[in-house]
Amino acid sequence: MKELKDAEAHPDPDIHLHLHGGSGDLFQWEAQLRGPPDTPFAGGTYTLLLQIPHEYPMLPPTAIFTTKMFHVNVEFATGKVCLDILKTRWSPAWTLESVCRAVLSLMAEPEHSSPFNCDAGNLLRAGDMEGYASMVRLYAIEYAGAPPYEDDF
């Protein structure tokens, strides 16, 4: 698959994309995403499972964080990512790497108008950015290996 060769030939420092578990199954991919700088996710590494349908690229993959995280657009119990390009705005021109970039962008700029995590959504709707950032950081330290103290974000 061209995407696998591209990921191996042109590694990205923020996205390590590879087949899940080294099994050779082209329908299960995994990405380690580096938390975006200047966000409460900074310094953490987040594992994203990409489940590829047989109709790919005509249908989008499913993106699920296996690293526990607090994010308004990530279902808390399952880690499933709610992102428009994985639903109504999908295009066969998107690649798995571009999906990962869109997820990183969503981490940096959450979409609070359509929350998948109600607790996170309530904090953002109430304008409690400090409370939201503190919860994100708590999970980043506990589950994503982020350092306890990071520069202001």
N, C-alpha and C. Protein backbone atom coordinates (compact mmCIF):
# COMPACT_ATOMS: atom_id res chain seq x y z
N MET A 1 0.84 -1.18 0.00
CA MET A 1 0.00 0.00 0.00
C MET A 1 0.89 1.25 0.00
N LYS A 2 0.54 2.18 -0.85
CA LYS A 2 1.33 3.40 -1.01
C LYS A 2 1.47 4.17 0.29
N GLU A 3 0.42 4.23 1.09
CA GLU A 3 0.48 5.00 2.34
C GLU A 3 1.50 4.44 3.31
N LEU A 4 1.64 3.14 3.35
CA LEU A 4 2.62 2.51 4.24
C LEU A 4 4.03 2.87 3.78
N LYS A 5 4.28 2.78 2.48
CA LYS A 5 5.59 3.14 1.95
C LYS A 5 5.91 4.61 2.20
N ASP A 6 4.92 5.48 2.00
CA ASP A 6 5.12 6.91 2.24
C ASP A 6 5.44 7.19 3.70
N ALA A 7 4.72 6.53 4.62
CA ALA A 7 4.95 6.74 6.05
C ALA A 7 6.36 6.30 6.45
N GLU A 8 6.83 5.22 5.85
CA GLU A 8 8.17 4.72 6.16
C GLU A 8 9.25 5.58 5.50
N ALA A 9 8.99 6.05 4.28
CA ALA A 9 10.00 6.82 3.54
C ALA A 9 10.12 8.26 4.03
N HIS A 10 9.02 8.82 4.52
CA HIS A 10 9.01 10.23 4.94
C HIS A 10 8.43 10.35 6.35
N PRO A 11 9.20 9.93 7.35
CA PRO A 11 8.67 9.99 8.72
C PRO A 11 8.41 11.42 9.17
N ASP A 12 7.35 11.58 9.92
CA ASP A 12 6.96 12.88 10.47
C ASP A 12 7.27 12.86 11.96
N PRO A 13 7.92 13.89 12.50
CA PRO A 13 8.27 13.87 13.93
C PRO A 13 7.05 13.89 14.85
N ASP A 14 5.90 14.34 14.37
CA ASP A 14 4.70 14.41 15.20
C ASP A 14 3.76 13.22 15.02
N ILE A 15 3.98 12.43 13.96
CA ILE A 15 3.08 11.32 13.64
C ILE A 15 3.92 10.10 13.27
N HIS A 16 3.82 9.05 14.05
CA HIS A 16 4.47 7.78 13.69
C HIS A 16 3.36 6.82 13.31
N LEU A 17 3.18 6.64 12.00
CA LEU A 17 2.09 5.85 11.44
C LEU A 17 2.62 4.50 10.98
N HIS A 18 1.99 3.42 11.40
CA HIS A 18 2.44 2.08 11.04
C HIS A 18 1.29 1.09 11.17
N LEU A 19 1.52 -0.12 10.68
CA LEU A 19 0.50 -1.16 10.84
C LEU A 19 0.40 -1.54 12.30
N HIS A 20 -0.80 -1.80 12.76
CA HIS A 20 -1.06 -2.13 14.16
C HIS A 20 -0.41 -3.46 14.53
N GLY A 21 0.43 -3.42 15.55
CA GLY A 21 1.04 -4.64 16.07
C GLY A 21 1.99 -5.35 15.13
N GLY A 22 2.34 -4.73 14.02
CA GLY A 22 3.26 -5.35 13.07
C GLY A 22 2.70 -6.61 12.43
N SER A 23 1.36 -6.76 12.45
CA SER A 23 0.74 -7.99 11.97
C SER A 23 0.67 -8.10 10.45
N GLY A 24 0.82 -6.99 9.76
CA GLY A 24 0.67 -7.02 8.31
C GLY A 24 -0.77 -6.85 7.87
N ASP A 25 -1.69 -6.66 8.81
CA ASP A 25 -3.10 -6.44 8.50
C ASP A 25 -3.28 -5.00 8.03
N LEU A 26 -3.57 -4.83 6.74
CA LEU A 26 -3.70 -3.49 6.17
C LEU A 26 -4.96 -2.76 6.62
N PHE A 27 -5.82 -3.42 7.37
CA PHE A 27 -7.06 -2.80 7.83
C PHE A 27 -6.98 -2.31 9.28
N GLN A 28 -5.83 -2.50 9.92
CA GLN A 28 -5.61 -2.03 11.29
C GLN A 28 -4.29 -1.26 11.33
N TRP A 29 -4.37 0.03 11.51
CA TRP A 29 -3.20 0.89 11.60
C TRP A 29 -3.14 1.53 12.98
N GLU A 30 -1.96 2.02 13.31
CA GLU A 30 -1.77 2.69 14.59
C GLU A 30 -0.88 3.90 14.34
N ALA A 31 -1.17 4.96 15.07
CA ALA A 31 -0.34 6.16 14.99
C ALA A 31 -0.02 6.62 16.41
N GLN A 32 1.24 6.96 16.63
CA GLN A 32 1.63 7.64 17.86
C GLN A 32 1.70 9.12 17.51
N LEU A 33 0.87 9.89 18.18
CA LEU A 33 0.80 11.33 17.93
C LEU A 33 1.46 12.07 19.08
N ARG A 34 2.32 12.99 18.73
CA ARG A 34 2.96 13.84 19.74
C ARG A 34 1.99 14.98 20.06
N GLY A 35 1.73 15.17 21.35
CA GLY A 35 0.81 16.23 21.76
C GLY A 35 1.23 17.57 21.19
N PRO A 36 0.29 18.33 20.64
CA PRO A 36 0.64 19.62 20.03
C PRO A 36 1.30 20.56 21.04
N PRO A 37 2.35 21.26 20.62
CA PRO A 37 3.01 22.22 21.52
C PRO A 37 2.05 23.34 21.89
N ASP A 38 2.34 23.98 23.01
CA ASP A 38 1.54 25.11 23.48
C ASP A 38 0.09 24.74 23.76
N THR A 39 -0.15 23.47 24.08
CA THR A 39 -1.47 23.00 24.50
C THR A 39 -1.28 22.16 25.75
N PRO A 40 -2.34 21.85 26.47
CA PRO A 40 -2.20 20.98 27.64
C PRO A 40 -1.80 19.55 27.28
N PHE A 41 -1.86 19.20 25.99
CA PHE A 41 -1.46 17.87 25.53
C PHE A 41 0.05 17.77 25.31
N ALA A 42 0.76 18.89 25.34
CA ALA A 42 2.19 18.95 25.02
C ALA A 42 2.99 18.00 25.90
N GLY A 43 3.96 17.35 25.26
CA GLY A 43 4.85 16.44 25.98
C GLY A 43 4.32 15.03 26.09
N GLY A 44 3.06 14.81 25.72
CA GLY A 44 2.48 13.48 25.79
C GLY A 44 2.53 12.78 24.44
N THR A 45 2.44 11.45 24.49
CA THR A 45 2.34 10.65 23.27
C THR A 45 1.02 9.90 23.33
N TYR A 46 0.24 10.04 22.27
CA TYR A 46 -1.12 9.52 22.22
C TYR A 46 -1.23 8.48 21.11
N THR A 47 -1.71 7.30 21.46
CA THR A 47 -1.85 6.24 20.47
C THR A 47 -3.26 6.28 19.89
N LEU A 48 -3.31 6.33 18.56
CA LEU A 48 -4.57 6.39 17.81
C LEU A 48 -4.67 5.14 16.96
N LEU A 49 -5.73 4.37 17.14
CA LEU A 49 -6.00 3.19 16.33
C LEU A 49 -6.86 3.63 15.15
N LEU A 50 -6.45 3.24 13.96
CA LEU A 50 -7.21 3.56 12.74
C LEU A 50 -7.71 2.25 12.15
N GLN A 51 -9.03 2.08 12.15
CA GLN A 51 -9.65 0.88 11.59
C GLN A 51 -10.12 1.24 10.19
N ILE A 52 -9.59 0.50 9.22
CA ILE A 52 -9.81 0.83 7.82
C ILE A 52 -10.90 -0.07 7.24
N PRO A 53 -11.96 0.51 6.67
CA PRO A 53 -13.00 -0.32 6.05
C PRO A 53 -12.49 -0.90 4.72
N HIS A 54 -13.09 -1.99 4.30
CA HIS A 54 -12.68 -2.60 3.03
C HIS A 54 -12.94 -1.67 1.85
N GLU A 55 -13.85 -0.71 2.01
CA GLU A 55 -14.18 0.23 0.93
C GLU A 55 -13.27 1.46 0.92
N TYR A 56 -12.27 1.50 1.79
CA TYR A 56 -11.33 2.62 1.83
C TYR A 56 -10.61 2.72 0.49
N PRO A 57 -10.43 3.86 -0.08
CA PRO A 57 -10.62 5.21 0.46
C PRO A 57 -12.01 5.83 0.19
N MET A 58 -12.93 5.04 -0.34
CA MET A 58 -14.26 5.61 -0.58
C MET A 58 -15.01 5.88 0.73
N LEU A 59 -14.70 5.11 1.76
CA LEU A 59 -15.26 5.33 3.09
C LEU A 59 -14.14 5.68 4.06
N PRO A 60 -14.42 6.48 5.08
CA PRO A 60 -13.36 6.90 6.01
C PRO A 60 -13.00 5.82 7.02
N PRO A 61 -11.81 5.93 7.59
CA PRO A 61 -11.45 5.04 8.70
C PRO A 61 -12.19 5.47 9.96
N THR A 62 -12.16 4.60 10.95
CA THR A 62 -12.62 4.94 12.30
C THR A 62 -11.37 5.24 13.11
N ALA A 63 -11.38 6.33 13.85
CA ALA A 63 -10.23 6.72 14.66
C ALA A 63 -10.60 6.60 16.14
N ILE A 64 -9.78 5.83 16.88
CA ILE A 64 -10.04 5.58 18.29
C ILE A 64 -8.74 5.77 19.07
N PHE A 65 -8.76 6.67 20.03
CA PHE A 65 -7.60 6.81 20.91
C PHE A 65 -7.59 5.65 21.89
N THR A 66 -6.46 4.95 21.96
CA THR A 66 -6.30 3.92 22.99
C THR A 66 -5.63 4.49 24.22
N THR A 67 -5.06 5.66 24.09
CA THR A 67 -4.54 6.41 25.24
C THR A 67 -5.71 7.16 25.85
N LYS A 68 -5.95 6.96 27.12
CA LYS A 68 -7.05 7.65 27.80
C LYS A 68 -6.78 9.15 27.76
N MET A 69 -7.81 9.92 27.39
CA MET A 69 -7.63 11.36 27.30
C MET A 69 -8.93 12.09 27.60
N PHE A 70 -8.79 13.35 27.96
CA PHE A 70 -9.93 14.22 28.22
C PHE A 70 -9.97 15.24 27.10
N HIS A 71 -10.98 15.11 26.24
CA HIS A 71 -11.12 16.02 25.10
C HIS A 71 -12.59 16.09 24.74
N VAL A 72 -13.05 17.26 24.41
CA VAL A 72 -14.46 17.47 24.12
C VAL A 72 -14.94 16.65 22.92
N ASN A 73 -14.07 16.33 21.97
CA ASN A 73 -14.47 15.61 20.77
C ASN A 73 -14.02 14.15 20.76
N VAL A 74 -13.68 13.63 21.93
CA VAL A 74 -13.29 12.22 22.07
C VAL A 74 -14.20 11.59 23.11
N GLU A 75 -14.89 10.52 22.70
CA GLU A 75 -15.77 9.82 23.63
C GLU A 75 -14.95 9.25 24.77
N PHE A 76 -15.28 9.63 25.99
CA PHE A 76 -14.46 9.28 27.15
C PHE A 76 -14.34 7.76 27.33
N ALA A 77 -15.44 7.04 27.23
CA ALA A 77 -15.43 5.60 27.52
C ALA A 77 -14.71 4.79 26.46
N THR A 78 -14.81 5.19 25.18
CA THR A 78 -14.28 4.37 24.09
C THR A 78 -13.04 4.95 23.42
N GLY A 79 -12.84 6.26 23.51
CA GLY A 79 -11.74 6.91 22.81
C GLY A 79 -12.06 7.27 21.37
N LYS A 80 -13.28 7.00 20.92
CA LYS A 80 -13.66 7.29 19.54
C LYS A 80 -13.63 8.79 19.28
N VAL A 81 -13.05 9.17 18.15
CA VAL A 81 -12.90 10.57 17.77
C VAL A 81 -14.09 11.02 16.93
N CYS A 82 -14.66 12.16 17.28
CA CYS A 82 -15.74 12.76 16.51
C CYS A 82 -15.13 13.91 15.70
N LEU A 83 -15.06 13.72 14.40
CA LEU A 83 -14.42 14.69 13.52
C LEU A 83 -15.16 14.69 12.20
N ASP A 84 -15.50 15.86 11.69
CA ASP A 84 -16.32 15.95 10.48
C ASP A 84 -15.74 15.21 9.28
N ILE A 85 -14.42 15.21 9.14
CA ILE A 85 -13.84 14.53 7.98
C ILE A 85 -13.95 13.01 8.08
N LEU A 86 -14.26 12.50 9.27
CA LEU A 86 -14.47 11.06 9.43
C LEU A 86 -15.94 10.70 9.28
N LYS A 87 -16.74 11.68 8.94
CA LYS A 87 -18.18 11.47 8.78
C LYS A 87 -18.62 12.10 7.46
N THR A 88 -19.27 13.25 7.56
CA THR A 88 -19.93 13.88 6.41
C THR A 88 -18.98 14.56 5.44
N ARG A 89 -17.79 14.94 5.88
CA ARG A 89 -16.88 15.69 5.01
C ARG A 89 -15.73 14.82 4.48
N TRP A 90 -15.89 13.51 4.52
CA TRP A 90 -14.85 12.62 4.03
C TRP A 90 -14.69 12.77 2.53
N SER A 91 -13.44 12.66 2.08
CA SER A 91 -13.11 12.65 0.66
C SER A 91 -12.07 11.56 0.43
N PRO A 92 -12.18 10.81 -0.66
CA PRO A 92 -11.16 9.80 -0.96
C PRO A 92 -9.76 10.39 -1.14
N ALA A 93 -9.66 11.71 -1.26
CA ALA A 93 -8.35 12.35 -1.38
C ALA A 93 -7.61 12.36 -0.04
N TRP A 94 -8.33 12.21 1.07
CA TRP A 94 -7.69 12.18 2.38
C TRP A 94 -6.86 10.91 2.52
N THR A 95 -5.74 11.03 3.20
CA THR A 95 -4.90 9.87 3.51
C THR A 95 -4.93 9.65 5.02
N LEU A 96 -4.37 8.54 5.46
CA LEU A 96 -4.30 8.28 6.90
C LEU A 96 -3.44 9.32 7.60
N GLU A 97 -2.38 9.76 6.94
CA GLU A 97 -1.55 10.81 7.53
C GLU A 97 -2.32 12.12 7.65
N SER A 98 -3.11 12.45 6.64
CA SER A 98 -3.89 13.70 6.73
C SER A 98 -4.98 13.58 7.80
N VAL A 99 -5.51 12.39 8.01
CA VAL A 99 -6.46 12.18 9.11
C VAL A 99 -5.75 12.45 10.44
N CYS A 100 -4.53 11.94 10.59
CA CYS A 100 -3.76 12.16 11.82
C CYS A 100 -3.48 13.65 12.03
N ARG A 101 -3.17 14.36 10.96
CA ARG A 101 -2.94 15.80 11.06
C ARG A 101 -4.22 16.53 11.50
N ALA A 102 -5.35 16.10 10.97
CA ALA A 102 -6.62 16.70 11.36
C ALA A 102 -6.93 16.43 12.83
N VAL A 103 -6.60 15.23 13.30
CA VAL A 103 -6.80 14.90 14.72
C VAL A 103 -5.89 15.77 15.59
N LEU A 104 -4.64 15.95 15.18
CA LEU A 104 -3.74 16.84 15.93
C LEU A 104 -4.29 18.27 15.97
N SER A 105 -4.83 18.72 14.86
CA SER A 105 -5.42 20.05 14.81
C SER A 105 -6.62 20.15 15.76
N LEU A 106 -7.42 19.09 15.81
CA LEU A 106 -8.56 19.05 16.71
C LEU A 106 -8.11 19.06 18.17
N MET A 107 -6.99 18.40 18.46
CA MET A 107 -6.46 18.43 19.82
C MET A 107 -6.09 19.87 20.21
N ALA A 108 -5.50 20.59 19.27
CA ALA A 108 -5.07 21.97 19.54
C ALA A 108 -6.25 22.94 19.58
N GLU A 109 -7.26 22.68 18.77
CA GLU A 109 -8.42 23.58 18.68
C GLU A 109 -9.70 22.77 18.74
N PRO A 110 -10.16 22.43 19.96
CA PRO A 110 -11.36 21.60 20.09
C PRO A 110 -12.60 22.29 19.54
N GLU A 111 -13.52 21.46 19.05
CA GLU A 111 -14.79 21.95 18.51
C GLU A 111 -15.87 21.74 19.57
N HIS A 112 -16.13 22.76 20.38
CA HIS A 112 -17.04 22.58 21.50
C HIS A 112 -18.51 22.65 21.14
N SER A 113 -18.84 22.96 19.89
CA SER A 113 -20.25 23.03 19.51
C SER A 113 -20.88 21.65 19.32
N SER A 114 -20.05 20.62 19.17
CA SER A 114 -20.58 19.25 19.04
C SER A 114 -19.79 18.31 19.95
N PRO A 115 -20.04 18.40 21.27
CA PRO A 115 -19.24 17.61 22.21
C PRO A 115 -19.55 16.11 22.14
N PHE A 116 -18.51 15.31 22.24
CA PHE A 116 -18.61 13.86 22.35
C PHE A 116 -18.36 13.47 23.80
N ASN A 117 -17.76 14.39 24.56
CA ASN A 117 -17.53 14.22 26.00
C ASN A 117 -18.29 15.37 26.67
N CYS A 118 -19.42 15.03 27.29
CA CYS A 118 -20.31 16.07 27.86
C CYS A 118 -19.64 16.87 28.97
N ASP A 119 -18.84 16.22 29.80
CA ASP A 119 -18.17 16.94 30.89
C ASP A 119 -17.22 18.00 30.33
N ALA A 120 -16.45 17.61 29.32
CA ALA A 120 -15.53 18.56 28.69
C ALA A 120 -16.32 19.67 27.99
N GLY A 121 -17.40 19.28 27.33
CA GLY A 121 -18.24 20.27 26.65
C GLY A 121 -18.84 21.28 27.61
N ASN A 122 -19.28 20.81 28.78
CA ASN A 122 -19.85 21.72 29.77
C ASN A 122 -18.82 22.72 30.27
N LEU A 123 -17.58 22.28 30.49
CA LEU A 123 -16.53 23.20 30.91
C LEU A 123 -16.29 24.28 29.86
N LEU A 124 -16.21 23.87 28.60
CA LEU A 124 -15.95 24.83 27.53
C LEU A 124 -17.12 25.78 27.32
N ARG A 125 -18.34 25.25 27.36
CA ARG A 125 -19.51 26.12 27.18
C ARG A 125 -19.64 27.13 28.31
N ALA A 126 -19.20 26.74 29.51
CA ALA A 126 -19.24 27.65 30.65
C ALA A 126 -18.09 28.66 30.62
N GLY A 127 -17.19 28.51 29.65
CA GLY A 127 -16.06 29.42 29.54
C GLY A 127 -14.94 29.11 30.52
N ASP A 128 -14.97 27.92 31.11
CA ASP A 128 -13.95 27.53 32.09
C ASP A 128 -12.76 26.88 31.37
N MET A 129 -12.01 27.69 30.66
CA MET A 129 -10.85 27.18 29.91
C MET A 129 -9.78 26.63 30.84
N GLU A 130 -9.62 27.26 31.99
CA GLU A 130 -8.61 26.80 32.95
C GLU A 130 -8.98 25.42 33.49
N GLY A 131 -10.25 25.21 33.80
CA GLY A 131 -10.70 23.91 34.27
C GLY A 131 -10.53 22.84 33.22
N TYR A 132 -10.89 23.17 31.96
CA TYR A 132 -10.73 22.23 30.85
C TYR A 132 -9.25 21.88 30.67
N ALA A 133 -8.40 22.90 30.62
CA ALA A 133 -6.96 22.67 30.42
C ALA A 133 -6.37 21.85 31.56
N SER A 134 -6.83 22.07 32.77
CA SER A 134 -6.32 21.31 33.92
C SER A 134 -6.68 19.84 33.81
N MET A 135 -7.91 19.55 33.37
CA MET A 135 -8.32 18.15 33.20
C MET A 135 -7.53 17.49 32.07
N VAL A 136 -7.36 18.21 30.96
CA VAL A 136 -6.57 17.68 29.85
C VAL A 136 -5.16 17.36 30.33
N ARG A 137 -4.56 18.28 31.06
CA ARG A 137 -3.19 18.11 31.53
C ARG A 137 -3.07 16.94 32.50
N LEU A 138 -4.05 16.80 33.39
CA LEU A 138 -4.06 15.68 34.33
C LEU A 138 -3.99 14.35 33.59
N TYR A 139 -4.81 14.20 32.55
CA TYR A 139 -4.81 12.97 31.77
C TYR A 139 -3.54 12.84 30.94
N ALA A 140 -3.01 13.95 30.46
CA ALA A 140 -1.75 13.91 29.69
C ALA A 140 -0.62 13.38 30.55
N ILE A 141 -0.56 13.80 31.79
CA ILE A 141 0.49 13.34 32.71
C ILE A 141 0.27 11.89 33.08
N GLU A 142 -0.97 11.56 33.44
CA GLU A 142 -1.30 10.22 33.95
C GLU A 142 -1.21 9.13 32.87
N TYR A 143 -1.68 9.43 31.66
CA TYR A 143 -1.81 8.38 30.65
C TYR A 143 -0.93 8.54 29.42
N ALA A 144 -0.47 9.75 29.12
CA ALA A 144 0.29 9.97 27.88
C ALA A 144 1.77 10.24 28.13
N GLY A 145 2.20 10.17 29.38
CA GLY A 145 3.62 10.33 29.69
C GLY A 145 4.12 11.75 29.61
N ALA A 146 3.22 12.73 29.68
CA ALA A 146 3.65 14.13 29.65
C ALA A 146 4.36 14.47 30.96
N PRO A 147 5.33 15.37 30.92
CA PRO A 147 6.01 15.77 32.16
C PRO A 147 5.05 16.51 33.08
N PRO A 148 5.26 16.41 34.39
CA PRO A 148 4.36 17.08 35.33
C PRO A 148 4.28 18.58 35.16
N TYR A 149 5.36 19.20 34.74
CA TYR A 149 5.35 20.65 34.57
C TYR A 149 5.77 20.99 33.16
N GLU A 150 4.94 21.72 32.49
CA GLU A 150 5.21 22.15 31.12
C GLU A 150 5.09 23.66 31.11
N ASP A 151 5.80 24.30 30.20
CA ASP A 151 5.66 25.75 30.09
C ASP A 151 4.19 26.11 29.87
N ASP A 152 3.87 27.36 30.10
CA ASP A 152 2.49 27.80 29.94
C ASP A 152 1.99 27.44 28.55
N PHE A 153 0.74 27.04 28.51
CA PHE A 153 0.13 26.67 27.22
C PHE A 153 -1.06 27.53 26.94
